[in-house]
Amino acid sequence: MEEIKEEEIDLKDYLKIILKRKWLILGIGLTVTIITFLFSFFSPKIYEISTSIEIGKSFEGSNPLENPIQVKTKIEEDIYKEIQEKFDLKVENPKNTNLILIKVESKNPEKAEKILEELNKIILEDHQKKLEDQISTLSKKEKIIKTKISSLNREKEAIEERIKILEAIPPQKRTLSEKFFLSESREKIEWKEQEINNLQEELLSLQKQIATLQPTKVIKEPTISKKPIKPNIILNT
């Protein structure tokens, strides 16, 4: 019982001290609040500028025009020579995607926005060149295959003409060499047709590869956050 009474006395003493010095405590709290507000008010406002791009697809299956991790590293190491200033830069490549997400924090958001626009432009131009090189390579292959098919068709037509001439001769009047030549020509026709079919399949596959090519594109243009994210986003609402 005595212990409980002592605790009650202690609590009363504490309350008396708090009430006695309430203005001092309130003053300290108010001072801290004012200092925090002034610091937030006069500190430079930091904005977030973000953009995202999707790496295009090459003709090699689902492979991208350039490995997204490589693109991420290039941006972080400023290989593109665009992020000259020491921005608070963050680059992400979400797992199992060809997306590149870029975020920059800056007290000069308009300048940062222009830099990201230029960065996107450089990446797109670089990848467009890669895309055009692949299209050029595939187009050359396509042309070669079409030329081979045309050549084989001409050869096939010439053989067919000879076969018609030989077939016009009655079987009983054909010489041994004519019979042999006729049989051989028919076999050649079959070979030519098989070669043409194989090349047409190869051509179709090539055309499908060309159709799968996709350019790199900007998914989200550089955008400045509507409100500052620093020094204190609560005070800026």
C-alpha atoms as a PDB file:
ATOM      1  CA  MET A   1       0.000   0.000   0.000  1.00  0.00           C
ATOM      2  CA  GLU A   2       2.836   2.348   0.879  1.00  0.00           C
ATOM      3  CA  GLU A   3       4.450   1.690  -2.496  1.00  0.00           C
ATOM      4  CA  ILE A   4       1.188   2.582  -4.326  1.00  0.00           C
ATOM      5  CA  LYS A   5       0.931   5.806  -2.321  1.00  0.00           C
ATOM      6  CA  GLU A   6       4.533   6.680  -3.191  1.00  0.00           C
ATOM      7  CA  GLU A   7       3.804   6.127  -6.907  1.00  0.00           C
ATOM      8  CA  GLU A   8       0.724   8.358  -6.701  1.00  0.00           C
ATOM      9  CA  ILE A   9       2.845  11.062  -5.030  1.00  0.00           C
ATOM     10  CA  ASP A  10       5.499  10.757  -7.755  1.00  0.00           C
ATOM     11  CA  LEU A  11       2.895  11.095 -10.504  1.00  0.00           C
ATOM     12  CA  LYS A  12       1.444  14.178  -8.832  1.00  0.00           C
ATOM     13  CA  ASP A  13       4.932  15.683  -8.610  1.00  0.00           C
ATOM     14  CA  TYR A  14       5.519  15.033 -12.309  1.00  0.00           C
ATOM     15  CA  LEU A  15       2.196  16.615 -13.232  1.00  0.00           C
ATOM     16  CA  LYS A  16       2.999  19.655 -11.091  1.00  0.00           C
ATOM     17  CA  ILE A  17       6.365  20.047 -12.858  1.00  0.00           C
ATOM     18  CA  ILE A  18       4.750  19.694 -16.293  1.00  0.00           C
ATOM     19  CA  LEU A  19       2.015  22.220 -15.461  1.00  0.00           C
ATOM     20  CA  LYS A  20       4.547  24.571 -13.942  1.00  0.00           C
ATOM     21  CA  ARG A  21       6.701  24.484 -17.072  1.00  0.00           C
ATOM     22  CA  LYS A  22       3.964  24.033 -19.674  1.00  0.00           C
ATOM     23  CA  TRP A  23       4.801  27.303 -21.414  1.00  0.00           C
ATOM     24  CA  LEU A  24       8.426  26.286 -21.731  1.00  0.00           C
ATOM     25  CA  ILE A  25       7.428  22.914 -23.186  1.00  0.00           C
ATOM     26  CA  LEU A  26       4.915  24.529 -25.554  1.00  0.00           C
ATOM     27  CA  GLY A  27       7.535  27.085 -26.534  1.00  0.00           C
ATOM     28  CA  ILE A  28      10.085  24.421 -27.404  1.00  0.00           C
ATOM     29  CA  GLY A  29       7.503  22.480 -29.443  1.00  0.00           C
ATOM     30  CA  LEU A  30       6.401  25.628 -31.255  1.00  0.00           C
ATOM     31  CA  THR A  31      10.025  26.601 -31.960  1.00  0.00           C
ATOM     32  CA  VAL A  32      10.790  23.173 -33.453  1.00  0.00           C
ATOM     33  CA  THR A  33       7.636  23.378 -35.606  1.00  0.00           C
ATOM     34  CA  ILE A  34       8.540  26.879 -36.862  1.00  0.00           C
ATOM     35  CA  ILE A  35      12.131  25.877 -37.635  1.00  0.00           C
ATOM     36  CA  THR A  36      10.917  22.769 -39.508  1.00  0.00           C
ATOM     37  CA  PHE A  37       8.424  24.852 -41.480  1.00  0.00           C
ATOM     38  CA  LEU A  38      11.015  27.524 -42.354  1.00  0.00           C
ATOM     39  CA  PHE A  39      13.529  24.872 -43.410  1.00  0.00           C
ATOM     40  CA  SER A  40      10.932  23.256 -45.652  1.00  0.00           C
ATOM     41  CA  PHE A  41       9.755  26.596 -47.017  1.00  0.00           C
ATOM     42  CA  PHE A  42      13.162  27.992 -47.902  1.00  0.00           C
ATOM     43  CA  SER A  43      14.862  24.753 -49.000  1.00  0.00           C
ATOM     44  CA  PRO A  44      14.993  24.187 -52.786  1.00  0.00           C
ATOM     45  CA  LYS A  45      12.019  22.155 -53.977  1.00  0.00           C
ATOM     46  CA  ILE A  46      13.072  18.823 -55.455  1.00  0.00           C
ATOM     47  CA  TYR A  47      10.892  17.318 -58.192  1.00  0.00           C
ATOM     48  CA  GLU A  48      10.859  13.857 -59.696  1.00  0.00           C
ATOM     49  CA  ILE A  49      11.083  13.549 -63.478  1.00  0.00           C
ATOM     50  CA  SER A  50      10.307  10.102 -64.866  1.00  0.00           C
ATOM     51  CA  THR A  51      10.204   8.410 -68.247  1.00  0.00           C
ATOM     52  CA  SER A  52      10.058   4.851 -69.562  1.00  0.00           C
ATOM     53  CA  ILE A  53      10.987   3.137 -72.810  1.00  0.00           C
ATOM     54  CA  GLU A  54      10.435  -0.338 -74.217  1.00  0.00           C
ATOM     55  CA  ILE A  55      13.331  -1.957 -76.052  1.00  0.00           C
ATOM     56  CA  GLY A  56      12.307  -3.170 -79.505  1.00  0.00           C
ATOM     57  CA  LYS A  57      12.475  -6.782 -80.716  1.00  0.00           C
ATOM     58  CA  SER A  58      15.084  -8.240 -83.042  1.00  0.00           C
ATOM     59  CA  PHE A  59      14.509 -10.991 -85.622  1.00  0.00           C
ATOM     60  CA  GLU A  60      16.146 -13.553 -83.320  1.00  0.00           C
ATOM     61  CA  GLY A  61      13.013 -14.862 -81.664  1.00  0.00           C
ATOM     62  CA  SER A  62      11.951 -12.723 -78.735  1.00  0.00           C
ATOM     63  CA  ASN A  63      15.398 -11.226 -78.185  1.00  0.00           C
ATOM     64  CA  PRO A  64      15.496  -7.426 -77.785  1.00  0.00           C
ATOM     65  CA  LEU A  65      17.437  -5.125 -80.098  1.00  0.00           C
ATOM     66  CA  GLU A  66      19.788  -4.570 -77.166  1.00  0.00           C
ATOM     67  CA  ASN A  67      19.970  -6.256 -73.789  1.00  0.00           C
ATOM     68  CA  PRO A  68      17.951  -4.058 -71.349  1.00  0.00           C
ATOM     69  CA  ILE A  69      20.559  -4.597 -68.632  1.00  0.00           C
ATOM     70  CA  GLN A  70      23.189  -3.233 -71.009  1.00  0.00           C
ATOM     71  CA  VAL A  71      21.031  -0.182 -71.754  1.00  0.00           C
ATOM     72  CA  LYS A  72      20.510   0.327 -67.992  1.00  0.00           C
ATOM     73  CA  THR A  73      24.275   0.195 -67.407  1.00  0.00           C
ATOM     74  CA  LYS A  74      24.928   2.653 -70.246  1.00  0.00           C
ATOM     75  CA  ILE A  75      22.539   5.175 -68.725  1.00  0.00           C
ATOM     76  CA  GLU A  76      23.925   4.757 -65.207  1.00  0.00           C
ATOM     77  CA  GLU A  77      27.508   5.145 -66.432  1.00  0.00           C
ATOM     78  CA  ASP A  78      26.526   8.052 -68.708  1.00  0.00           C
ATOM     79  CA  ILE A  79      27.815   6.296 -71.831  1.00  0.00           C
ATOM     80  CA  TYR A  80      25.312   8.342 -73.818  1.00  0.00           C
ATOM     81  CA  LYS A  81      26.973  11.543 -72.469  1.00  0.00           C
ATOM     82  CA  GLU A  82      23.651  13.186 -71.681  1.00  0.00           C
ATOM     83  CA  ILE A  83      23.379  13.196 -67.905  1.00  0.00           C
ATOM     84  CA  GLN A  84      26.249  15.597 -67.385  1.00  0.00           C
ATOM     85  CA  GLU A  85      25.049  16.933 -64.030  1.00  0.00           C
ATOM     86  CA  LYS A  86      25.035  14.898 -60.848  1.00  0.00           C
ATOM     87  CA  PHE A  87      21.339  14.152 -60.747  1.00  0.00           C
ATOM     88  CA  ASP A  88      19.886  11.731 -58.268  1.00  0.00           C
ATOM     89  CA  LEU A  89      19.370   9.117 -60.981  1.00  0.00           C
ATOM     90  CA  LYS A  90      17.546   5.802 -60.663  1.00  0.00           C
ATOM     91  CA  VAL A  91      17.272   3.312 -63.544  1.00  0.00           C
ATOM     92  CA  GLU A  92      15.250   0.100 -63.356  1.00  0.00           C
ATOM     93  CA  ASN A  93      14.696  -2.881 -65.620  1.00  0.00           C
ATOM     94  CA  PRO A  94      11.715  -4.832 -64.243  1.00  0.00           C
ATOM     95  CA  LYS A  95      12.386  -8.572 -64.254  1.00  0.00           C
ATOM     96  CA  ASN A  96      11.477 -10.476 -67.441  1.00  0.00           C
ATOM     97  CA  THR A  97      10.631  -7.290 -69.366  1.00  0.00           C
ATOM     98  CA  ASN A  98      12.252  -5.092 -72.000  1.00  0.00           C
ATOM     99  CA  LEU A  99      11.241  -1.957 -70.098  1.00  0.00           C
ATOM    100  CA  ILE A 100      13.640   0.700 -68.891  1.00  0.00           C
ATOM    101  CA  LEU A 101      12.266   2.981 -66.161  1.00  0.00           C
ATOM    102  CA  ILE A 102      14.229   6.176 -65.539  1.00  0.00           C
ATOM    103  CA  LYS A 103      13.710   8.550 -62.634  1.00  0.00           C
ATOM    104  CA  VAL A 104      15.614  11.718 -61.853  1.00  0.00           C
ATOM    105  CA  GLU A 105      15.333  14.022 -58.840  1.00  0.00           C
ATOM    106  CA  SER A 106      16.223  17.641 -59.534  1.00  0.00           C
ATOM    107  CA  LYS A 107      15.638  21.185 -58.299  1.00  0.00           C
ATOM    108  CA  ASN A 108      15.647  22.211 -61.960  1.00  0.00           C
ATOM    109  CA  PRO A 109      12.887  19.967 -63.334  1.00  0.00           C
ATOM    110  CA  GLU A 110      12.567  21.672 -66.730  1.00  0.00           C
ATOM    111  CA  LYS A 111      16.254  21.133 -67.462  1.00  0.00           C
ATOM    112  CA  ALA A 112      16.099  17.522 -66.255  1.00  0.00           C
ATOM    113  CA  GLU A 113      13.024  16.942 -68.434  1.00  0.00           C
ATOM    114  CA  LYS A 114      14.884  18.173 -71.535  1.00  0.00           C
ATOM    115  CA  ILE A 115      17.878  15.984 -70.706  1.00  0.00           C
ATOM    116  CA  LEU A 116      15.658  12.898 -70.438  1.00  0.00           C
ATOM    117  CA  GLU A 117      13.976  13.822 -73.731  1.00  0.00           C
ATOM    118  CA  GLU A 118      17.391  14.007 -75.387  1.00  0.00           C
ATOM    119  CA  LEU A 119      18.454  10.739 -73.745  1.00  0.00           C
ATOM    120  CA  ASN A 120      15.344   8.989 -75.100  1.00  0.00           C
ATOM    121  CA  LYS A 121      16.035  10.435 -78.532  1.00  0.00           C
ATOM    122  CA  ILE A 122      19.627   9.118 -78.559  1.00  0.00           C
ATOM    123  CA  ILE A 123      18.551   5.623 -77.454  1.00  0.00           C
ATOM    124  CA  LEU A 124      15.763   5.525 -80.057  1.00  0.00           C
ATOM    125  CA  GLU A 125      18.121   6.658 -82.846  1.00  0.00           C
ATOM    126  CA  ASP A 126      20.745   4.098 -81.799  1.00  0.00           C
ATOM    127  CA  HIS A 127      18.177   1.289 -81.791  1.00  0.00           C
ATOM    128  CA  GLN A 128      16.614   2.469 -85.037  1.00  0.00           C
ATOM    129  CA  LYS A 129      20.009   2.031 -86.692  1.00  0.00           C
ATOM    130  CA  LYS A 130      20.262  -1.489 -85.239  1.00  0.00           C
ATOM    131  CA  LEU A 131      16.759  -2.212 -86.522  1.00  0.00           C
ATOM    132  CA  GLU A 132      17.540  -0.890 -90.007  1.00  0.00           C
ATOM    133  CA  ASP A 133      20.728  -2.981 -90.132  1.00  0.00           C
ATOM    134  CA  GLN A 134      18.727  -6.101 -89.296  1.00  0.00           C
ATOM    135  CA  ILE A 135      16.052  -5.230 -91.864  1.00  0.00           C
ATOM    136  CA  SER A 136      18.777  -4.680 -94.465  1.00  0.00           C
ATOM    137  CA  THR A 137      20.382  -8.062 -93.655  1.00  0.00           C
ATOM    138  CA  LEU A 138      17.054  -9.890 -93.826  1.00  0.00           C
ATOM    139  CA  SER A 139      16.011  -8.071 -96.995  1.00  0.00           C
ATOM    140  CA  LYS A 140      19.224  -9.131 -98.728  1.00  0.00           C
ATOM    141  CA  LYS A 141      18.583 -12.738 -97.730  1.00  0.00           C
ATOM    142  CA  GLU A 142      15.002 -12.403 -98.960  1.00  0.00           C
ATOM    143  CA  LYS A 143      16.215 -11.079-102.309  1.00  0.00           C
ATOM    144  CA  ILE A 144      18.716 -13.936-102.694  1.00  0.00           C
ATOM    145  CA  ILE A 145      16.044 -16.545-101.964  1.00  0.00           C
ATOM    146  CA  LYS A 146      13.591 -14.954-104.404  1.00  0.00           C
ATOM    147  CA  THR A 147      16.300 -14.902-107.088  1.00  0.00           C
ATOM    148  CA  LYS A 148      17.002 -18.608-106.494  1.00  0.00           C
ATOM    149  CA  ILE A 149      13.291 -19.437-106.721  1.00  0.00           C
ATOM    150  CA  SER A 150      12.962 -17.504-109.986  1.00  0.00           C
ATOM    151  CA  SER A 151      16.023 -19.262-111.404  1.00  0.00           C
ATOM    152  CA  LEU A 152      14.725 -22.684-110.386  1.00  0.00           C
ATOM    153  CA  ASN A 153      11.319 -21.927-111.902  1.00  0.00           C
ATOM    154  CA  ARG A 154      12.968 -21.008-115.212  1.00  0.00           C
ATOM    155  CA  GLU A 155      15.010 -24.213-115.163  1.00  0.00           C
ATOM    156  CA  LYS A 156      11.880 -26.209-114.328  1.00  0.00           C
ATOM    157  CA  GLU A 157       9.942 -24.615-117.195  1.00  0.00           C
ATOM    158  CA  ALA A 158      12.776 -25.407-119.644  1.00  0.00           C
ATOM    159  CA  ILE A 159      12.811 -29.051-118.535  1.00  0.00           C
ATOM    160  CA  GLU A 160       9.006 -29.226-118.789  1.00  0.00           C
ATOM    161  CA  GLU A 161       9.232 -27.987-122.385  1.00  0.00           C
ATOM    162  CA  ARG A 162      11.697 -30.753-123.236  1.00  0.00           C
ATOM    163  CA  ILE A 163       9.461 -33.301-121.543  1.00  0.00           C
ATOM    164  CA  LYS A 164       6.490 -32.135-123.639  1.00  0.00           C
ATOM    165  CA  ILE A 165       8.528 -32.635-126.823  1.00  0.00           C
ATOM    166  CA  LEU A 166       9.590 -36.133-125.769  1.00  0.00           C
ATOM    167  CA  GLU A 167       6.105 -37.080-124.584  1.00  0.00           C
ATOM    168  CA  ALA A 168       4.777 -36.060-128.010  1.00  0.00           C
ATOM    169  CA  ILE A 169       6.795 -38.947-129.474  1.00  0.00           C
ATOM    170  CA  PRO A 170       4.847 -42.214-129.327  1.00  0.00           C
ATOM    171  CA  PRO A 171       6.372 -44.529-126.656  1.00  0.00           C
ATOM    172  CA  GLN A 172       7.096 -47.276-129.209  1.00  0.00           C
ATOM    173  CA  LYS A 173       9.075 -44.872-131.387  1.00  0.00           C
ATOM    174  CA  ARG A 174      11.249 -43.392-128.601  1.00  0.00           C
ATOM    175  CA  THR A 175      14.894 -44.264-128.674  1.00  0.00           C
ATOM    176  CA  LEU A 176      16.702 -45.598-125.630  1.00  0.00           C
ATOM    177  CA  SER A 177      18.422 -42.256-125.044  1.00  0.00           C
ATOM    178  CA  GLU A 178      15.088 -40.425-125.360  1.00  0.00           C
ATOM    179  CA  LYS A 179      13.490 -42.760-122.830  1.00  0.00           C
ATOM    180  CA  PHE A 180      16.428 -42.285-120.465  1.00  0.00           C
ATOM    181  CA  PHE A 181      16.383 -38.515-120.942  1.00  0.00           C
ATOM    182  CA  LEU A 182      12.613 -38.423-120.318  1.00  0.00           C
ATOM    183  CA  SER A 183      12.938 -40.384-117.083  1.00  0.00           C
ATOM    184  CA  GLU A 184      15.858 -38.269-115.935  1.00  0.00           C
ATOM    185  CA  SER A 185      13.974 -35.038-116.772  1.00  0.00           C
ATOM    186  CA  ARG A 186      10.972 -36.124-114.710  1.00  0.00           C
ATOM    187  CA  GLU A 187      13.272 -36.775-111.748  1.00  0.00           C
ATOM    188  CA  LYS A 188      14.859 -33.359-112.220  1.00  0.00           C
ATOM    189  CA  ILE A 189      11.403 -31.769-112.144  1.00  0.00           C
ATOM    190  CA  GLU A 190      10.735 -33.447-108.802  1.00  0.00           C
ATOM    191  CA  TRP A 191      14.073 -32.200-107.434  1.00  0.00           C
ATOM    192  CA  LYS A 192      13.432 -28.677-108.677  1.00  0.00           C
ATOM    193  CA  GLU A 193       9.953 -28.666-107.143  1.00  0.00           C
ATOM    194  CA  GLN A 194      11.388 -29.870-103.813  1.00  0.00           C
ATOM    195  CA  GLU A 195      14.094 -27.185-103.899  1.00  0.00           C
ATOM    196  CA  ILE A 196      11.482 -24.528-104.715  1.00  0.00           C
ATOM    197  CA  ASN A 197       9.250 -25.710-101.845  1.00  0.00           C
ATOM    198  CA  ASN A 198      12.179 -25.643 -99.404  1.00  0.00           C
ATOM    199  CA  LEU A 199      13.145 -22.125-100.510  1.00  0.00           C
ATOM    200  CA  GLN A 200       9.530 -20.938-100.250  1.00  0.00           C
ATOM    201  CA  GLU A 201       9.376 -22.252 -96.679  1.00  0.00           C
ATOM    202  CA  GLU A 202      12.665 -20.498 -95.924  1.00  0.00           C
ATOM    203  CA  LEU A 203      11.288 -17.315 -97.510  1.00  0.00           C
ATOM    204  CA  LEU A 204       8.109 -17.539 -95.434  1.00  0.00           C
ATOM    205  CA  SER A 205      10.141 -18.002 -92.260  1.00  0.00           C
ATOM    206  CA  LEU A 206      12.292 -15.017 -93.181  1.00  0.00           C
ATOM    207  CA  GLN A 207       9.243 -12.838 -93.834  1.00  0.00           C
ATOM    208  CA  LYS A 208       7.841 -13.834 -90.444  1.00  0.00           C
ATOM    209  CA  GLN A 209      11.116 -12.765 -88.850  1.00  0.00           C
ATOM    210  CA  ILE A 210      10.889  -9.397 -90.585  1.00  0.00           C
ATOM    211  CA  ALA A 211       7.303  -9.043 -89.347  1.00  0.00           C
ATOM    212  CA  THR A 212       8.391  -9.652 -85.719  1.00  0.00           C
ATOM    213  CA  LEU A 213      10.863  -6.757 -85.770  1.00  0.00           C
ATOM    214  CA  GLN A 214       9.722  -3.947 -83.511  1.00  0.00           C
ATOM    215  CA  PRO A 215      11.329  -0.550 -82.920  1.00  0.00           C
ATOM    216  CA  THR A 216      12.207   0.775 -79.481  1.00  0.00           C
ATOM    217  CA  LYS A 217       9.549   3.212 -78.322  1.00  0.00           C
ATOM    218  CA  VAL A 218       8.878   5.666 -75.536  1.00  0.00           C
ATOM    219  CA  ILE A 219       6.100   4.323 -73.321  1.00  0.00           C
ATOM    220  CA  LYS A 220       6.003   7.385 -71.101  1.00  0.00           C
ATOM    221  CA  GLU A 221       7.357  10.773 -72.132  1.00  0.00           C
ATOM    222  CA  PRO A 222       9.494  12.586 -69.523  1.00  0.00           C
ATOM    223  CA  THR A 223       7.024  13.872 -66.928  1.00  0.00           C
ATOM    224  CA  ILE A 224       7.571  16.221 -63.990  1.00  0.00           C
ATOM    225  CA  SER A 225       5.824  15.347 -60.738  1.00  0.00           C
ATOM    226  CA  LYS A 226       2.945  17.720 -59.987  1.00  0.00           C
ATOM    227  CA  LYS A 227       4.259  18.440 -56.495  1.00  0.00           C
ATOM    228  CA  PRO A 228       7.774  18.525 -55.021  1.00  0.00           C
ATOM    229  CA  ILE A 229       8.874  15.281 -53.428  1.00  0.00           C
ATOM    230  CA  LYS A 230      11.400  17.009 -51.137  1.00  0.00           C
ATOM    231  CA  PRO A 231      12.203  18.408 -48.607  1.00  0.00           C
ATOM    232  CA  ASN A 232       8.798  17.568 -47.132  1.00  0.00           C
ATOM    233  CA  ILE A 233       5.974  16.500 -49.390  1.00  0.00           C
ATOM    234  CA  ILE A 234       3.416  17.018 -46.585  1.00  0.00           C
ATOM    235  CA  LEU A 235       4.183  20.701 -46.333  1.00  0.00           C
ATOM    236  CA  ASN A 236       3.822  21.060 -50.092  1.00  0.00           C
ATOM    237  CA  THR A 237       0.308  19.640 -50.395  1.00  0.00           C
END
